[in-house]
Amino acid sequence: MLKNLTFRIGNQPPSSIARALIITRRELRDSMRDWRILSPLISLTFIVPSLVVLAIRFGKTMLERLEPGTFEDRVLPFATLSVGFFPMSFSLIIAFESFVGEKERNSLEALLSAPLTDLELFMGKFLAAVIPTILSSAYGTLVFVIGILLTGGPMPADPLNLIFFILLGTAEALVMVTGAVIVSSHSTSVRGANLLASFVILPMTIIVQIEALLVISGQSNMLFFVLLSLLFIFVILLRTGVRVFNREEILAREGGDSLKIKAIFSNFLYLFARTPEEAIYNRKSNLRKFSLWRLYRYDIPQIIKLNGPAIIMVVVSLMIAIFIGWWVTTLQPVKELLAQYQGSIKDQVASAQNPACNSQLLADYGITWQFIFFNNVKSVLIGSGLGFISMGIGGLLLLMAAIAPIGGLGNIMAQSGANIFLLFIGFILPHGIIELPAAIMATGAALQVATCFIAPPKGMSIGRSLQFSLVNYIKLMALIIPLLFVAALIEGNLTPVIGCWITNSRF
């Protein structure tokens, strides 16, 4: 039956599942024979979850001092969710060695000369790496659950949540393995691939911590959005990996792991001296030497176009953040908390002056355009730094956290009788129409830098792709910082005037 099944991704030629599985079976057979892989994998899958079970049982007396229901409803689900991640992180070794390991064992040429399409090669290696990862994560979770039950404990999670936790682990494995296989196909040595492992493991560690916080805080239903986000990222990474995979480039790539400071500096200057399109196609500059006119007329528009997919992802994430902010205020515990203050809020909305219209109050709190400008620049730089080290997730989450309250406050104010439309037009739109696009472009550029090693432009090595993305980020700052400056001037001086005039200084 498999002989007749084919699949296609993007513009790739039709490929046979049966031929891809030949590579998968070969890789799995070799991996399962290697004790250096099997020993730690078995330990993390079976022994570590068992040790966690023993730790929980021995610490039961202390855990029982928590609030009633906390142990069963928070601690056990948190542990169930976490134990599946331990074996998953080690399983990435198989993925990181998928292509570059073949190169160091001098077996890559024979593999790439096989009568297989690029898609079959990539998918065969991907399946060989993802199957052990998913199975080890699922088995680790089940070992923990069975261990808790055998030691007389309660069911750590109800069957539906347990299945959902395993699905989350599967989604995490798909994302991590896809990124690792792409890194392996663009590295020149196993050492170099392992050094890049942090760009795959660190973002997923952040996501696991977010999942843990949601479970501990009793917001497990929010994990559904995390699952959708992971599947969305997986689809993007898979399409990207298939698109950029090229066997000729893998064979031709040599010596990319040596560090040459002079060559790096020279390459930075080369990339600065050319527009992004000229740098991608390695063409001589048809324009005059680098200038502000060329930067704003040619370079920045091309950079924004190149960052288009990343910018779209940021916009979609912000829309999700606003929805989540609104949705949180509809939860019963939050509604009960707000009900205690609903009366006073309505009274203030009906009679009190908007604090934004009190210039003396703003001055007392030091809210000036200078403060706003430096705060926004600092936020952009911190978000970019977090994005660089977390595959863009850190910066994206920081921006989402800043935007999400808009949805929640908007819902609260609307229920209290405030005119949300006038408040938006008067107090957000005047400066937000400049500030928000600047923040989106900065976050998108950071996301582009963080993921440059996953989808380098055709013909570029990972190192050169990183330099190219950093140069583009620096160039884009020449637009973002002036935009933030103008937005701060408007927010500190004009927005209060416009907003107070439109709303008559009230809500």
Protein backbone atom coordinates (compact mmCIF):
# COMPACT_ATOMS: atom_id res chain seq x y z
CA MET A 1 0.00 0.00 0.00
CA LEU A 2 2.81 2.42 0.86
CA LYS A 3 4.28 2.00 -2.61
CA ASN A 4 1.28 3.80 -4.07
CA LEU A 5 1.21 6.66 -1.54
CA THR A 6 2.89 9.91 -2.51
CA PHE A 7 3.12 13.33 -0.91
CA ARG A 8 4.10 16.81 -2.00
CA ILE A 9 5.01 19.99 -0.11
CA GLY A 10 4.99 23.32 -1.94
CA ASN A 11 6.62 23.10 -5.37
CA GLN A 12 8.51 19.91 -4.57
CA PRO A 13 8.06 16.99 -7.00
CA PRO A 14 5.81 14.11 -5.88
CA SER A 15 7.64 11.83 -3.48
CA SER A 16 6.99 8.30 -2.30
CA ILE A 17 6.33 7.56 1.36
CA ALA A 18 7.77 4.06 0.88
CA ARG A 19 11.14 5.42 -0.30
CA ALA A 20 11.25 7.97 2.53
CA LEU A 21 10.61 5.17 5.03
CA ILE A 22 13.66 3.30 3.71
CA ILE A 23 15.81 6.10 5.16
CA THR A 24 13.71 6.11 8.33
CA ARG A 25 14.14 2.38 8.96
CA ARG A 26 17.88 2.59 8.30
CA GLU A 27 18.31 5.48 10.74
CA LEU A 28 16.18 3.91 13.46
CA ARG A 29 18.05 0.61 13.17
CA ASP A 30 21.42 2.34 13.51
CA SER A 31 20.26 4.53 16.41
CA MET A 32 18.72 1.67 18.38
CA ARG A 33 22.00 -0.28 18.11
CA ASP A 34 24.11 2.53 19.57
CA TRP A 35 24.41 2.14 23.36
CA ARG A 36 25.57 5.76 23.66
CA ILE A 37 22.11 6.82 22.50
CA LEU A 38 20.07 4.04 24.09
CA SER A 39 21.49 4.30 27.62
CA PRO A 40 20.64 7.95 28.34
CA LEU A 41 17.36 7.67 26.43
CA ILE A 42 16.20 4.72 28.55
CA SER A 43 17.35 6.48 31.70
CA LEU A 44 15.43 9.66 30.90
CA THR A 45 12.36 7.75 29.73
CA PHE A 46 12.00 5.24 32.56
CA ILE A 47 14.38 5.98 35.44
CA VAL A 48 13.98 9.76 35.78
CA PRO A 49 10.12 9.67 35.85
CA SER A 50 10.37 6.92 38.47
CA LEU A 51 12.69 9.10 40.57
CA VAL A 52 10.20 11.96 40.28
CA VAL A 53 7.48 9.61 41.53
CA LEU A 54 9.62 8.67 44.55
CA ALA A 55 10.41 12.31 45.27
CA ILE A 56 6.72 13.20 45.24
CA ARG A 57 5.79 10.26 47.46
CA PHE A 58 8.54 11.00 49.99
CA GLY A 59 7.59 14.67 49.98
CA LYS A 60 3.89 13.92 50.35
CA THR A 61 3.78 15.11 53.97
CA MET A 62 5.11 18.53 53.03
CA LEU A 63 2.93 18.77 49.91
CA GLU A 64 -0.19 17.96 51.95
CA ARG A 65 0.33 21.23 53.82
CA LEU A 66 -0.66 23.10 50.70
CA GLU A 67 -4.18 24.39 50.21
CA PRO A 68 -6.79 21.63 49.76
CA GLY A 69 -6.84 20.35 46.22
CA THR A 70 -3.52 21.97 45.26
CA PHE A 71 -1.61 18.67 45.26
CA GLU A 72 -4.12 16.84 43.06
CA ASP A 73 -5.15 19.76 40.84
CA ARG A 74 -1.84 21.62 40.40
CA VAL A 75 1.27 19.70 41.51
CA LEU A 76 0.53 16.33 39.89
CA PRO A 77 -0.63 17.79 36.52
CA PHE A 78 2.48 20.03 36.52
CA ALA A 79 4.75 17.03 37.12
CA THR A 80 2.92 15.00 34.46
CA LEU A 81 3.43 17.76 31.93
CA SER A 82 7.13 18.22 32.80
CA VAL A 83 8.43 14.63 32.85
CA GLY A 84 7.73 14.18 29.15
CA PHE A 85 10.20 16.93 28.30
CA PHE A 86 13.26 15.24 29.87
CA PRO A 87 13.78 12.44 27.31
CA MET A 88 12.73 14.74 24.50
CA SER A 89 15.70 17.06 24.98
CA PHE A 90 18.21 14.20 24.65
CA SER A 91 16.45 12.71 21.64
CA LEU A 92 17.49 15.83 19.72
CA ILE A 93 20.98 14.34 19.40
CA ILE A 94 19.59 12.02 16.71
CA ALA A 95 18.14 15.02 14.88
CA PHE A 96 21.27 17.17 15.16
CA GLU A 97 23.40 14.36 13.73
CA SER A 98 20.94 13.45 10.97
CA PHE A 99 22.90 15.05 8.10
CA VAL A 100 26.09 16.48 9.53
CA GLY A 101 26.79 13.20 11.32
CA GLU A 102 26.68 11.41 7.98
CA LYS A 103 29.17 13.95 6.67
CA GLU A 104 31.65 13.32 9.48
CA ARG A 105 31.27 9.53 9.02
CA ASN A 106 31.98 9.96 5.28
CA SER A 107 28.69 8.33 4.38
CA LEU A 108 26.86 11.46 3.23
CA GLU A 109 27.85 11.25 -0.45
CA ALA A 110 26.50 7.71 -0.71
CA LEU A 111 23.25 8.79 0.94
CA LEU A 112 22.77 11.84 -1.25
CA SER A 113 23.57 9.90 -4.41
CA ALA A 114 20.68 7.51 -3.73
CA PRO A 115 17.78 7.72 -6.22
CA LEU A 116 15.64 9.75 -3.83
CA THR A 117 14.16 13.22 -4.10
CA ASP A 118 15.24 15.97 -1.70
CA LEU A 119 11.83 15.75 -0.08
CA GLU A 120 12.16 11.99 0.48
CA LEU A 121 15.62 12.45 2.01
CA PHE A 122 14.47 15.23 4.33
CA MET A 123 11.28 13.48 5.41
CA GLY A 124 13.06 10.17 5.92
CA LYS A 125 15.60 11.80 8.24
CA PHE A 126 12.88 13.84 9.95
CA LEU A 127 10.73 10.78 10.70
CA ALA A 128 13.75 8.86 11.99
CA ALA A 129 14.45 11.64 14.49
CA VAL A 130 10.89 12.47 15.49
CA ILE A 131 9.60 8.94 16.14
CA PRO A 132 11.99 8.19 19.06
CA THR A 133 11.42 11.69 20.41
CA ILE A 134 7.64 11.37 20.48
CA LEU A 135 7.70 7.83 21.85
CA SER A 136 10.21 8.65 24.60
CA SER A 137 8.13 11.66 25.68
CA ALA A 138 4.89 9.67 25.73
CA TYR A 139 6.46 6.70 27.54
CA GLY A 140 8.05 9.01 30.12
CA THR A 141 4.65 10.53 30.87
CA LEU A 142 2.97 7.12 31.12
CA VAL A 143 5.73 5.75 33.38
CA PHE A 144 5.16 8.66 35.75
CA VAL A 145 1.37 8.17 35.77
CA ILE A 146 1.66 4.42 36.35
CA GLY A 147 4.27 5.00 39.05
CA ILE A 148 1.98 7.41 40.95
CA LEU A 149 -0.92 4.94 40.75
CA LEU A 150 1.20 1.96 41.86
CA THR A 151 2.45 3.87 44.92
CA GLY A 152 -1.10 4.58 46.04
CA GLY A 153 -1.44 8.10 44.72
CA PRO A 154 -4.38 9.63 42.86
CA MET A 155 -4.63 9.80 39.09
CA PRO A 156 -2.23 12.69 38.18
CA ALA A 157 -4.57 13.93 35.46
CA ASP A 158 -7.92 12.86 34.11
CA PRO A 159 -7.78 10.80 30.87
CA LEU A 160 -8.64 13.75 28.60
CA ASN A 161 -5.98 15.99 30.15
CA LEU A 162 -3.46 13.14 30.01
CA ILE A 163 -4.11 12.69 26.29
CA PHE A 164 -3.84 16.45 25.85
CA PHE A 165 -0.48 16.54 27.70
CA ILE A 166 0.82 13.80 25.40
CA LEU A 167 -0.39 15.80 22.38
CA LEU A 168 1.44 18.84 23.72
CA GLY A 169 4.59 16.76 24.06
CA THR A 170 4.13 15.52 20.50
CA ALA A 171 3.78 19.08 19.20
CA GLU A 172 6.89 20.15 21.12
CA ALA A 173 8.80 17.21 19.67
CA LEU A 174 7.69 18.07 16.13
CA VAL A 175 8.87 21.67 16.47
CA MET A 176 12.18 20.80 18.14
CA VAL A 177 13.08 17.98 15.75
CA THR A 178 12.17 19.99 12.65
CA GLY A 179 14.40 22.85 13.79
CA ALA A 180 17.22 20.44 14.69
CA VAL A 181 17.10 18.63 11.33
CA ILE A 182 17.22 21.97 9.51
CA VAL A 183 20.22 23.04 11.61
CA SER A 184 21.93 19.72 10.86
CA SER A 185 21.42 20.15 7.13
CA HIS A 186 23.10 23.58 7.26
CA SER A 187 25.99 22.79 9.62
CA THR A 188 29.47 21.65 8.69
CA SER A 189 30.21 19.64 11.85
CA VAL A 190 28.42 17.90 14.70
CA ARG A 191 30.11 20.30 17.11
CA GLY A 192 28.69 23.27 15.25
CA ALA A 193 25.21 21.72 15.22
CA ASN A 194 25.34 21.03 18.96
CA LEU A 195 26.44 24.62 19.63
CA LEU A 196 23.32 25.77 17.82
CA ALA A 197 21.20 23.44 19.96
CA SER A 198 20.42 26.28 22.38
CA PHE A 199 18.50 28.08 19.63
CA VAL A 200 16.14 25.09 19.55
CA ILE A 201 16.07 23.94 23.18
CA LEU A 202 15.89 27.35 24.89
CA PRO A 203 12.70 28.56 23.14
CA MET A 204 11.00 25.25 23.87
CA THR A 205 12.11 25.45 27.51
CA ILE A 206 10.41 28.85 27.72
CA ILE A 207 7.23 27.37 26.26
CA VAL A 208 7.31 24.47 28.75
CA GLN A 209 7.68 26.98 31.60
CA ILE A 210 4.69 28.91 30.29
CA GLU A 211 2.71 25.67 30.16
CA ALA A 212 3.75 24.90 33.73
CA LEU A 213 2.66 28.37 34.91
CA LEU A 214 -0.72 27.89 33.24
CA VAL A 215 -1.19 24.52 34.97
CA ILE A 216 -0.06 25.80 38.38
CA SER A 217 -2.30 28.86 38.11
CA GLY A 218 -5.29 26.70 37.21
CA GLN A 219 -5.54 27.97 33.62
CA SER A 220 -5.06 24.61 31.90
CA ASN A 221 -7.68 25.49 29.28
CA MET A 222 -5.21 28.05 27.88
CA LEU A 223 -2.94 25.16 26.87
CA PHE A 224 -5.16 24.70 23.82
CA PHE A 225 -3.82 27.97 22.38
CA VAL A 226 -0.27 26.82 23.12
CA LEU A 227 -0.94 23.60 21.19
CA LEU A 228 -2.31 25.52 18.20
CA SER A 229 0.71 27.85 18.24
CA LEU A 230 3.13 24.91 18.32
CA LEU A 231 1.40 23.21 15.39
CA PHE A 232 1.46 26.49 13.45
CA ILE A 233 5.21 26.86 14.09
CA PHE A 234 5.77 23.23 13.09
CA VAL A 235 4.04 23.69 9.73
CA ILE A 236 6.11 26.80 9.01
CA LEU A 237 9.37 25.09 9.98
CA LEU A 238 8.57 21.98 7.95
CA ARG A 239 7.77 23.94 4.82
CA THR A 240 10.88 26.05 5.33
CA GLY A 241 13.08 23.00 5.87
CA VAL A 242 11.85 21.30 2.73
CA ARG A 243 12.15 24.50 0.70
CA VAL A 244 15.76 25.26 1.66
CA PHE A 245 17.01 21.66 1.62
CA ASN A 246 19.51 21.16 -1.20
CA ARG A 247 21.84 18.17 -1.44
CA GLU A 248 24.37 19.97 -3.65
CA GLU A 249 24.80 22.75 -1.09
CA ILE A 250 25.23 20.22 1.72
CA LEU A 251 28.07 18.52 -0.16
CA ALA A 252 29.71 21.81 -1.12
CA ARG A 253 29.56 23.36 2.35
CA GLU A 254 33.00 23.19 3.99
CA GLY A 255 34.91 24.92 6.77
CA GLY A 256 32.02 26.94 8.16
CA ASP A 257 32.89 26.45 11.81
CA SER A 258 36.22 28.29 11.92
CA LEU A 259 36.16 31.74 13.51
CA LYS A 260 37.96 34.42 11.52
CA ILE A 261 37.48 37.86 13.05
CA LYS A 262 38.93 39.73 10.08
CA ALA A 263 36.71 37.85 7.62
CA ILE A 264 33.63 38.47 9.80
CA PHE A 265 34.34 42.20 9.98
CA SER A 266 35.01 42.33 6.23
CA ASN A 267 31.75 40.53 5.53
CA PHE A 268 29.80 42.97 7.72
CA LEU A 269 31.22 45.87 5.71
CA TYR A 270 30.39 44.05 2.49
CA LEU A 271 26.77 43.55 3.55
CA PHE A 272 26.44 47.14 4.73
CA ALA A 273 27.71 48.43 1.40
CA ARG A 274 24.99 46.63 -0.54
CA THR A 275 21.24 46.61 -0.53
CA PRO A 276 19.66 43.40 0.81
CA GLU A 277 18.80 42.17 -2.68
CA GLU A 278 22.37 42.76 -3.90
CA ALA A 279 23.72 40.94 -0.85
CA ILE A 280 21.43 37.94 -1.42
CA TYR A 281 22.38 37.58 -5.08
CA ASN A 282 26.02 38.56 -4.40
CA ARG A 283 25.94 41.34 -6.96
CA LYS A 284 28.04 44.44 -7.14
CA SER A 285 26.22 47.54 -6.01
CA ASN A 286 24.57 49.43 -8.86
CA LEU A 287 24.08 52.40 -6.54
CA ARG A 288 26.53 54.82 -5.07
CA LYS A 289 28.24 54.16 -1.76
CA PHE A 290 26.18 53.77 1.39
CA SER A 291 24.19 56.90 2.31
CA LEU A 292 21.06 57.84 4.24
CA TRP A 293 19.21 58.44 0.96
CA ARG A 294 20.01 54.93 -0.24
CA LEU A 295 19.20 53.49 3.21
CA TYR A 296 15.67 54.93 3.33
CA ARG A 297 14.98 54.72 -0.40
CA TYR A 298 16.20 51.17 -1.13
CA ASP A 299 17.55 49.23 1.85
CA ILE A 300 14.74 49.64 4.37
CA PRO A 301 11.87 48.89 1.93
CA GLN A 302 13.69 45.72 0.84
CA ILE A 303 14.29 44.71 4.48
CA ILE A 304 10.59 45.17 5.33
CA LYS A 305 9.69 43.02 2.33
CA LEU A 306 12.15 40.31 3.40
CA ASN A 307 10.74 40.41 6.94
CA GLY A 308 7.16 40.16 5.64
CA PRO A 309 6.40 36.63 6.94
CA ALA A 310 7.88 37.45 10.37
CA ILE A 311 5.86 40.69 10.54
CA ILE A 312 2.67 38.81 9.64
CA MET A 313 3.39 36.32 12.43
CA VAL A 314 3.82 39.20 14.91
CA VAL A 315 0.53 40.81 13.82
CA VAL A 316 -1.36 37.52 14.17
CA SER A 317 0.19 37.00 17.62
CA LEU A 318 -0.91 40.47 18.74
CA MET A 319 -4.46 39.81 17.59
CA ILE A 320 -4.40 36.59 19.62
CA ALA A 321 -3.02 38.53 22.61
CA ILE A 322 -5.87 41.06 22.47
CA PHE A 323 -8.39 38.23 22.25
CA ILE A 324 -6.78 36.47 25.23
CA GLY A 325 -6.86 39.73 27.23
CA TRP A 326 -10.56 40.07 26.49
CA TRP A 327 -11.23 36.38 27.16
CA VAL A 328 -9.52 36.43 30.57
CA THR A 329 -11.97 39.06 31.80
CA THR A 330 -14.86 36.73 30.90
CA LEU A 331 -13.63 33.93 33.18
CA GLN A 332 -15.81 33.37 36.21
CA PRO A 333 -13.12 34.03 38.89
CA VAL A 334 -12.14 37.29 37.20
CA LYS A 335 -15.80 38.29 36.78
CA GLU A 336 -16.42 37.65 40.46
CA LEU A 337 -13.38 39.75 41.40
CA LEU A 338 -14.41 42.59 39.10
CA ALA A 339 -17.98 42.49 40.41
CA GLN A 340 -16.70 43.74 43.76
CA TYR A 341 -15.41 46.92 42.11
CA GLN A 342 -17.91 47.23 39.27
CA GLY A 343 -20.02 49.79 41.08
CA SER A 344 -17.15 52.14 41.87
CA ILE A 345 -15.77 51.76 38.36
CA LYS A 346 -19.15 52.71 36.86
CA ASP A 347 -19.38 55.72 39.17
CA GLN A 348 -15.92 56.92 38.13
CA VAL A 349 -16.70 56.39 34.46
CA ALA A 350 -19.95 58.33 34.84
CA SER A 351 -18.63 61.29 36.81
CA ALA A 352 -14.87 61.40 37.26
CA GLN A 353 -12.35 63.17 35.06
CA ASN A 354 -10.04 61.03 32.98
CA PRO A 355 -6.62 60.99 34.74
CA ALA A 356 -4.92 61.38 31.35
CA CYS A 357 -6.43 64.87 31.19
CA ASN A 358 -4.79 65.96 34.44
CA SER A 359 -1.50 67.47 33.30
CA GLN A 360 -0.30 68.03 36.86
CA LEU A 361 -0.88 64.38 37.72
CA LEU A 362 1.09 63.27 34.67
CA ALA A 363 3.92 65.61 35.59
CA ASP A 364 3.99 64.32 39.17
CA TYR A 365 4.46 60.77 37.86
CA GLY A 366 7.17 61.91 35.44
CA ILE A 367 5.23 60.88 32.35
CA THR A 368 6.88 63.07 29.73
CA TRP A 369 7.66 62.46 26.11
CA GLN A 370 11.32 61.88 27.03
CA PHE A 371 10.33 59.18 29.52
CA ILE A 372 8.02 57.55 26.97
CA PHE A 373 10.69 57.60 24.25
CA PHE A 374 13.47 56.05 26.33
CA ASN A 375 11.07 53.52 27.83
CA ASN A 376 9.90 52.42 24.37
CA VAL A 377 13.46 52.18 23.03
CA LYS A 378 14.49 50.17 26.09
CA SER A 379 11.51 47.84 25.64
CA VAL A 380 12.32 47.30 21.96
CA LEU A 381 15.98 46.51 22.70
CA ILE A 382 15.13 44.18 25.59
CA GLY A 383 12.50 42.43 23.48
CA SER A 384 14.99 42.06 20.62
CA GLY A 385 17.62 40.65 22.98
CA LEU A 386 15.15 38.11 24.36
CA GLY A 387 14.13 37.26 20.81
CA PHE A 388 17.72 36.67 19.70
CA ILE A 389 18.29 33.99 22.35
CA SER A 390 14.86 32.35 22.22
CA MET A 391 14.11 31.94 18.51
CA GLY A 392 12.00 35.09 18.64
CA ILE A 393 9.59 33.73 21.23
CA GLY A 394 10.84 35.89 24.13
CA GLY A 395 10.43 39.18 22.26
CA LEU A 396 7.08 38.09 20.86
CA LEU A 397 5.76 37.20 24.31
CA LEU A 398 6.97 40.52 25.74
CA LEU A 399 5.09 42.46 23.08
CA MET A 400 2.02 40.26 23.53
CA ALA A 401 2.10 40.89 27.28
CA ALA A 402 2.14 44.64 26.61
CA ILE A 403 -0.77 44.47 24.16
CA ALA A 404 -3.01 41.88 25.86
CA PRO A 405 -4.27 44.31 28.58
CA ILE A 406 -5.86 46.41 25.84
CA GLY A 407 -8.39 43.64 25.23
CA GLY A 408 -9.04 43.12 28.96
CA LEU A 409 -9.32 46.81 29.85
CA GLY A 410 -11.44 47.42 26.79
CA ASN A 411 -13.93 44.77 27.90
CA ILE A 412 -13.99 46.10 31.48
CA MET A 413 -14.48 49.69 30.37
CA ALA A 414 -17.19 48.70 27.90
CA GLN A 415 -19.12 46.87 30.64
CA SER A 416 -18.77 49.96 32.83
CA GLY A 417 -20.41 52.22 30.26
CA ALA A 418 -17.35 53.88 28.78
CA ASN A 419 -17.26 54.79 25.09
CA ILE A 420 -14.50 52.44 23.88
CA PHE A 421 -14.55 53.85 20.35
CA LEU A 422 -13.88 57.44 21.47
CA LEU A 423 -11.20 56.32 23.94
CA PHE A 424 -9.44 54.39 21.18
CA ILE A 425 -9.66 57.25 18.68
CA GLY A 426 -8.53 59.86 21.20
CA PHE A 427 -5.97 58.15 23.45
CA ILE A 428 -4.47 55.28 21.42
CA LEU A 429 -4.73 56.02 17.70
CA PRO A 430 -2.80 59.35 17.50
CA HIS A 431 0.51 57.85 18.66
CA GLY A 432 -0.35 54.15 18.26
CA ILE A 433 -0.57 54.46 14.48
CA ILE A 434 3.18 55.16 14.55
CA GLU A 435 4.35 53.38 17.70
CA LEU A 436 2.70 50.01 17.09
CA PRO A 437 4.05 49.50 13.53
CA ALA A 438 7.53 50.40 14.81
CA ALA A 439 7.25 47.81 17.60
CA ILE A 440 5.90 45.22 15.16
CA MET A 441 8.75 45.81 12.69
CA ALA A 442 11.34 45.61 15.50
CA THR A 443 9.90 42.36 16.84
CA GLY A 444 9.65 40.94 13.33
CA ALA A 445 13.29 41.87 12.65
CA ALA A 446 14.37 40.19 15.89
CA LEU A 447 12.35 37.11 14.92
CA GLN A 448 14.08 37.13 11.54
CA VAL A 449 17.52 37.24 13.20
CA ALA A 450 16.59 34.48 15.66
CA THR A 451 15.40 32.15 12.91
CA CYS A 452 17.97 33.02 10.25
CA PHE A 453 19.81 29.74 10.78
CA ILE A 454 16.62 27.81 9.98
CA ALA A 455 15.99 29.34 6.57
CA PRO A 456 19.12 31.04 5.24
CA PRO A 457 18.82 32.66 1.80
CA LYS A 458 19.86 30.40 -1.04
CA GLY A 459 23.61 30.13 -1.30
CA MET A 460 24.27 31.59 2.17
CA SER A 461 25.84 29.66 5.02
CA ILE A 462 24.37 29.88 8.52
CA GLY A 463 27.09 32.29 9.65
CA ARG A 464 26.64 34.59 6.68
CA SER A 465 22.86 34.43 7.08
CA LEU A 466 23.23 35.53 10.71
CA GLN A 467 25.44 38.45 9.69
CA PHE A 468 23.00 39.38 6.93
CA SER A 469 20.06 39.40 9.36
CA LEU A 470 21.98 41.44 11.96
CA VAL A 471 22.97 44.01 9.34
CA ASN A 472 19.33 44.27 8.25
CA TYR A 473 18.24 44.67 11.88
CA ILE A 474 20.73 47.49 12.46
CA LYS A 475 19.65 49.22 9.26
CA LEU A 476 15.99 48.91 10.22
CA MET A 477 16.72 50.62 13.56
CA ALA A 478 17.38 53.76 11.50
CA LEU A 479 13.63 53.79 10.82
CA ILE A 480 12.29 52.35 14.07
CA ILE A 481 14.04 54.74 16.50
CA PRO A 482 12.89 57.91 14.66
CA LEU A 483 9.35 56.47 14.56
CA LEU A 484 9.47 55.85 18.31
CA PHE A 485 10.76 59.41 18.80
CA VAL A 486 7.88 60.92 16.82
CA ALA A 487 5.36 58.64 18.56
CA ALA A 488 6.70 59.71 21.98
CA LEU A 489 6.39 63.39 21.06
CA ILE A 490 2.79 62.82 20.00
CA GLU A 491 1.93 60.66 23.01
CA GLY A 492 3.44 63.09 25.50
CA ASN A 493 2.11 66.32 24.00
CA LEU A 494 -0.70 65.82 21.48
CA THR A 495 -2.47 62.60 22.49
CA PRO A 496 -3.80 63.97 25.83
CA VAL A 497 -5.05 67.12 24.07
CA ILE A 498 -6.77 65.18 21.27
CA GLY A 499 -8.18 62.53 23.60
CA CYS A 500 -9.50 64.99 26.18
CA TRP A 501 -11.06 67.11 23.46
CA ILE A 502 -12.83 64.14 21.85
CA THR A 503 -14.05 62.66 25.15
CA ASN A 504 -14.69 65.95 26.93
CA SER A 505 -12.08 64.89 29.54
CA ARG A 506 -14.22 61.95 30.63
CA PHE A 507 -14.43 58.24 29.96
